[in-house]
């Protein structure tokens, strides 16, 4: 059972091997590439000034939102990579 924000979900947490298996499958690989592409697109849009508002305050808000989105995607990618690396390390230690 998994609990998110105090809401229980009738879902068993995958084992590290199951999780890594998903990352190695076509769907997992596609999801990671999609996240990377989304992050690169947001970064490009930000660099091109797409988050410029009509006022300084609006520009600050738009930039903050864009940077927050980029950081969230980067954190997800980092966590996925760490989970995969942790699982690979634990498998190496078992041998």
N, C-alpha and C. Protein backbone atom coordinates (compact mmCIF):
# COMPACT_ATOMS: atom_id res chain seq x y z
N UNK A 1 0.86 -1.18 0.00
CA UNK A 1 0.00 0.00 0.00
C UNK A 1 0.90 1.23 0.00
N UNK A 2 0.60 2.17 -0.86
CA UNK A 2 1.35 3.41 -0.96
C UNK A 2 0.46 4.55 -0.46
N UNK A 3 1.04 5.47 0.31
CA UNK A 3 0.30 6.63 0.80
C UNK A 3 0.95 7.89 0.27
N UNK A 4 0.14 8.72 -0.37
CA UNK A 4 0.60 10.00 -0.90
C UNK A 4 -0.33 11.07 -0.35
N UNK A 5 0.24 12.07 0.30
CA UNK A 5 -0.55 13.15 0.90
C UNK A 5 -1.67 12.60 1.77
N UNK A 6 -1.33 11.63 2.60
CA UNK A 6 -2.27 11.00 3.54
C UNK A 6 -3.40 10.25 2.85
N UNK A 7 -3.29 10.00 1.54
CA UNK A 7 -4.30 9.25 0.80
C UNK A 7 -3.73 7.87 0.46
N UNK A 8 -4.31 6.81 1.00
CA UNK A 8 -3.80 5.48 0.69
C UNK A 8 -4.21 5.03 -0.72
N UNK A 9 -3.30 4.38 -1.39
CA UNK A 9 -3.56 3.81 -2.70
C UNK A 9 -3.28 2.32 -2.61
N UNK A 10 -4.20 1.52 -3.12
CA UNK A 10 -4.03 0.08 -3.09
C UNK A 10 -3.07 -0.31 -4.20
N UNK A 11 -1.81 0.01 -3.97
CA UNK A 11 -0.77 -0.21 -4.96
C UNK A 11 0.49 -0.63 -4.24
N UNK A 12 1.00 -1.76 -4.61
CA UNK A 12 2.22 -2.26 -3.99
C UNK A 12 3.43 -1.56 -4.60
N UNK A 13 4.34 -1.13 -3.74
CA UNK A 13 5.54 -0.46 -4.22
C UNK A 13 6.40 -1.47 -4.97
N UNK A 14 6.90 -1.08 -6.16
CA UNK A 14 7.72 -2.03 -6.91
C UNK A 14 9.07 -2.26 -6.23
N UNK A 15 9.59 -3.45 -6.43
CA UNK A 15 10.93 -3.74 -5.91
C UNK A 15 11.93 -2.96 -6.76
N UNK A 16 13.14 -2.76 -6.26
CA UNK A 16 14.15 -2.08 -7.07
C UNK A 16 14.37 -2.76 -8.42
N UNK A 17 14.35 -4.08 -8.44
CA UNK A 17 14.54 -4.80 -9.71
C UNK A 17 13.37 -4.54 -10.67
N UNK A 18 12.14 -4.52 -10.14
CA UNK A 18 10.97 -4.22 -10.98
C UNK A 18 11.05 -2.80 -11.52
N UNK A 19 11.45 -1.88 -10.66
CA UNK A 19 11.54 -0.49 -11.10
C UNK A 19 12.59 -0.34 -12.20
N UNK A 20 13.75 -0.95 -11.98
CA UNK A 20 14.80 -0.87 -13.00
C UNK A 20 14.36 -1.54 -14.29
N UNK A 21 13.60 -2.62 -14.17
CA UNK A 21 13.07 -3.28 -15.36
C UNK A 21 12.20 -2.34 -16.16
N UNK A 22 11.39 -1.55 -15.46
CA UNK A 22 10.54 -0.58 -16.15
C UNK A 22 11.38 0.47 -16.85
N UNK A 23 12.45 0.94 -16.18
CA UNK A 23 13.31 1.95 -16.78
C UNK A 23 14.01 1.42 -18.02
N UNK A 24 14.29 0.12 -18.04
CA UNK A 24 14.98 -0.48 -19.18
C UNK A 24 14.04 -0.83 -20.33
N UNK A 25 12.75 -0.81 -20.07
CA UNK A 25 11.78 -1.10 -21.13
C UNK A 25 11.57 0.12 -22.02
N UNK A 26 10.96 -0.11 -23.16
CA UNK A 26 10.70 0.94 -24.14
C UNK A 26 9.92 2.11 -23.53
N UNK A 27 8.89 1.82 -22.74
CA UNK A 27 8.06 2.86 -22.14
C UNK A 27 8.85 3.72 -21.17
N UNK A 28 9.65 3.08 -20.32
CA UNK A 28 10.48 3.83 -19.37
C UNK A 28 11.51 4.70 -20.08
N UNK A 29 12.16 4.13 -21.09
CA UNK A 29 13.16 4.90 -21.85
C UNK A 29 12.50 6.09 -22.55
N UNK A 30 11.32 5.86 -23.12
CA UNK A 30 10.60 6.94 -23.80
C UNK A 30 10.23 8.04 -22.81
N UNK A 31 9.75 7.65 -21.62
CA UNK A 31 9.36 8.63 -20.61
C UNK A 31 10.54 9.50 -20.21
N UNK A 32 11.70 8.88 -20.00
CA UNK A 32 12.89 9.64 -19.63
C UNK A 32 13.30 10.59 -20.76
N UNK A 33 13.27 10.11 -22.00
CA UNK A 33 13.60 10.99 -23.13
C UNK A 33 12.60 12.13 -23.25
N UNK A 34 11.32 11.83 -23.00
CA UNK A 34 10.29 12.87 -23.06
C UNK A 34 10.55 13.93 -21.99
N UNK A 35 10.89 13.50 -20.76
CA UNK A 35 11.20 14.46 -19.69
C UNK A 35 12.39 15.33 -20.07
N UNK A 36 13.44 14.71 -20.60
CA UNK A 36 14.63 15.47 -21.01
C UNK A 36 14.28 16.48 -22.10
N UNK A 37 13.46 16.06 -23.05
CA UNK A 37 13.05 16.96 -24.12
C UNK A 37 12.22 18.13 -23.58
N UNK A 38 11.31 17.83 -22.65
CA UNK A 38 10.50 18.89 -22.03
C UNK A 38 11.41 19.90 -21.32
N UNK A 39 12.40 19.41 -20.60
CA UNK A 39 13.32 20.28 -19.88
C UNK A 39 14.12 21.15 -20.86
N UNK A 40 14.62 20.54 -21.93
CA UNK A 40 15.38 21.30 -22.92
C UNK A 40 14.51 22.35 -23.61
N UNK A 41 13.26 22.00 -23.88
CA UNK A 41 12.34 22.95 -24.50
C UNK A 41 12.06 24.14 -23.57
N UNK A 42 11.82 23.84 -22.31
CA UNK A 42 11.60 24.92 -21.33
C UNK A 42 12.83 25.81 -21.21
N UNK A 43 14.01 25.19 -21.16
CA UNK A 43 15.25 25.96 -21.07
C UNK A 43 15.43 26.85 -22.29
N UNK A 44 15.16 26.29 -23.47
CA UNK A 44 15.27 27.07 -24.70
C UNK A 44 14.29 28.23 -24.73
N UNK A 45 13.06 27.97 -24.34
CA UNK A 45 12.04 29.03 -24.28
C UNK A 45 12.45 30.12 -23.30
N UNK A 46 12.98 29.70 -22.15
CA UNK A 46 13.42 30.67 -21.14
C UNK A 46 14.56 31.51 -21.69
N UNK A 47 15.54 30.85 -22.33
CA UNK A 47 16.69 31.56 -22.89
C UNK A 47 16.28 32.52 -24.00
N UNK A 48 15.21 32.19 -24.71
CA UNK A 48 14.72 33.05 -25.80
C UNK A 48 13.81 34.17 -25.31
N UNK A 49 13.62 34.27 -24.01
CA UNK A 49 12.81 35.35 -23.45
C UNK A 49 11.32 35.14 -23.54
N UNK A 50 10.89 33.89 -23.69
CA UNK A 50 9.46 33.61 -23.80
C UNK A 50 8.70 33.85 -22.50
N UNK A 51 9.42 34.05 -21.42
CA UNK A 51 8.78 34.26 -20.13
C UNK A 51 8.95 35.71 -19.67
N UNK A 52 8.75 36.60 -20.61
CA UNK A 52 8.82 38.03 -20.32
C UNK A 52 7.41 38.58 -20.29
N UNK A 53 7.08 39.27 -19.21
CA UNK A 53 5.74 39.82 -19.05
C UNK A 53 5.69 41.29 -19.39
N UNK A 54 4.55 41.91 -19.13
CA UNK A 54 4.34 43.33 -19.40
C UNK A 54 4.91 44.22 -18.31
N UNK A 55 5.29 43.62 -17.20
CA UNK A 55 5.86 44.39 -16.10
C UNK A 55 7.01 43.57 -15.49
N UNK A 56 7.81 44.23 -14.69
CA UNK A 56 8.91 43.55 -14.01
C UNK A 56 8.38 42.43 -13.12
N UNK A 57 7.31 42.71 -12.40
CA UNK A 57 6.73 41.72 -11.50
C UNK A 57 6.22 40.51 -12.27
N UNK A 58 5.55 40.76 -13.39
CA UNK A 58 5.03 39.65 -14.20
C UNK A 58 6.18 38.83 -14.77
N UNK A 59 7.24 39.50 -15.21
CA UNK A 59 8.41 38.79 -15.73
C UNK A 59 9.06 37.94 -14.65
N UNK A 60 9.18 38.49 -13.46
CA UNK A 60 9.75 37.73 -12.34
C UNK A 60 8.91 36.48 -12.08
N UNK A 61 7.59 36.64 -12.06
CA UNK A 61 6.69 35.51 -11.81
C UNK A 61 6.81 34.46 -12.90
N UNK A 62 6.79 34.88 -14.15
CA UNK A 62 6.89 33.93 -15.26
C UNK A 62 8.23 33.20 -15.26
N UNK A 63 9.31 33.94 -14.99
CA UNK A 63 10.63 33.33 -14.92
C UNK A 63 10.72 32.34 -13.77
N UNK A 64 10.16 32.70 -12.63
CA UNK A 64 10.17 31.81 -11.48
C UNK A 64 9.42 30.52 -11.78
N UNK A 65 8.29 30.63 -12.44
CA UNK A 65 7.51 29.44 -12.80
C UNK A 65 8.30 28.55 -13.76
N UNK A 66 8.94 29.16 -14.75
CA UNK A 66 9.72 28.39 -15.72
C UNK A 66 10.89 27.70 -15.06
N UNK A 67 11.60 28.42 -14.22
CA UNK A 67 12.75 27.83 -13.52
C UNK A 67 12.29 26.72 -12.59
N UNK A 68 11.16 26.92 -11.93
CA UNK A 68 10.61 25.88 -11.05
C UNK A 68 10.28 24.61 -11.82
N UNK A 69 9.67 24.75 -13.00
CA UNK A 69 9.34 23.59 -13.82
C UNK A 69 10.62 22.85 -14.24
N UNK A 70 11.61 23.61 -14.67
CA UNK A 70 12.89 23.01 -15.08
C UNK A 70 13.52 22.27 -13.91
N UNK A 71 13.53 22.89 -12.74
CA UNK A 71 14.12 22.25 -11.56
C UNK A 71 13.37 20.98 -11.17
N UNK A 72 12.05 20.99 -11.27
CA UNK A 72 11.27 19.80 -10.93
C UNK A 72 11.60 18.64 -11.87
N UNK A 73 11.67 18.93 -13.16
CA UNK A 73 12.00 17.87 -14.12
C UNK A 73 13.42 17.37 -13.86
N UNK A 74 14.36 18.28 -13.60
CA UNK A 74 15.74 17.88 -13.32
C UNK A 74 15.80 17.00 -12.08
N UNK A 75 15.01 17.33 -11.04
CA UNK A 75 14.98 16.52 -9.82
C UNK A 75 14.40 15.13 -10.08
N UNK A 76 13.36 15.07 -10.89
CA UNK A 76 12.77 13.76 -11.23
C UNK A 76 13.79 12.91 -11.97
N UNK A 77 14.46 13.51 -12.97
CA UNK A 77 15.47 12.77 -13.71
C UNK A 77 16.61 12.30 -12.81
N UNK A 78 17.04 13.17 -11.90
CA UNK A 78 18.11 12.81 -10.98
C UNK A 78 17.67 11.66 -10.07
N UNK A 79 16.45 11.73 -9.54
CA UNK A 79 15.95 10.66 -8.68
C UNK A 79 15.82 9.34 -9.43
N UNK A 80 15.34 9.39 -10.67
CA UNK A 80 15.24 8.17 -11.46
C UNK A 80 16.62 7.56 -11.70
N UNK A 81 17.59 8.42 -12.00
CA UNK A 81 18.95 7.96 -12.23
C UNK A 81 19.55 7.37 -10.96
N UNK A 82 19.30 8.02 -9.82
CA UNK A 82 19.81 7.51 -8.55
C UNK A 82 19.17 6.17 -8.18
N UNK A 83 17.87 6.04 -8.44
CA UNK A 83 17.20 4.77 -8.15
C UNK A 83 17.80 3.65 -8.99
N UNK A 84 18.04 3.95 -10.23
CA UNK A 84 18.61 2.94 -11.12
C UNK A 84 20.03 2.60 -10.68
N UNK A 85 20.82 3.61 -10.35
CA UNK A 85 22.19 3.40 -9.92
C UNK A 85 22.24 2.65 -8.59
N UNK A 86 21.36 3.02 -7.64
CA UNK A 86 21.31 2.34 -6.35
C UNK A 86 20.99 0.86 -6.53
N UNK A 87 20.04 0.57 -7.43
CA UNK A 87 19.65 -0.81 -7.66
C UNK A 87 20.81 -1.58 -8.29
N UNK A 88 21.50 -0.96 -9.24
CA UNK A 88 22.64 -1.63 -9.87
C UNK A 88 23.74 -1.88 -8.85
N UNK A 89 23.97 -0.94 -7.95
CA UNK A 89 24.99 -1.10 -6.92
C UNK A 89 24.62 -2.23 -5.96
N UNK A 90 23.34 -2.33 -5.58
CA UNK A 90 22.92 -3.37 -4.66
C UNK A 90 23.04 -4.74 -5.33
N UNK A 91 22.78 -4.81 -6.63
CA UNK A 91 22.94 -6.07 -7.34
C UNK A 91 24.41 -6.47 -7.41
N UNK A 92 25.31 -5.49 -7.60
CA UNK A 92 26.74 -5.77 -7.64
C UNK A 92 27.22 -6.29 -6.30
N UNK A 93 26.68 -5.74 -5.22
CA UNK A 93 27.08 -6.15 -3.88
C UNK A 93 26.61 -7.55 -3.53
N UNK A 94 25.50 -7.99 -4.17
CA UNK A 94 24.96 -9.31 -3.89
C UNK A 94 25.79 -10.40 -4.57
N UNK A 95 26.54 -10.05 -5.60
CA UNK A 95 27.31 -11.04 -6.34
C UNK A 95 28.58 -11.43 -5.65
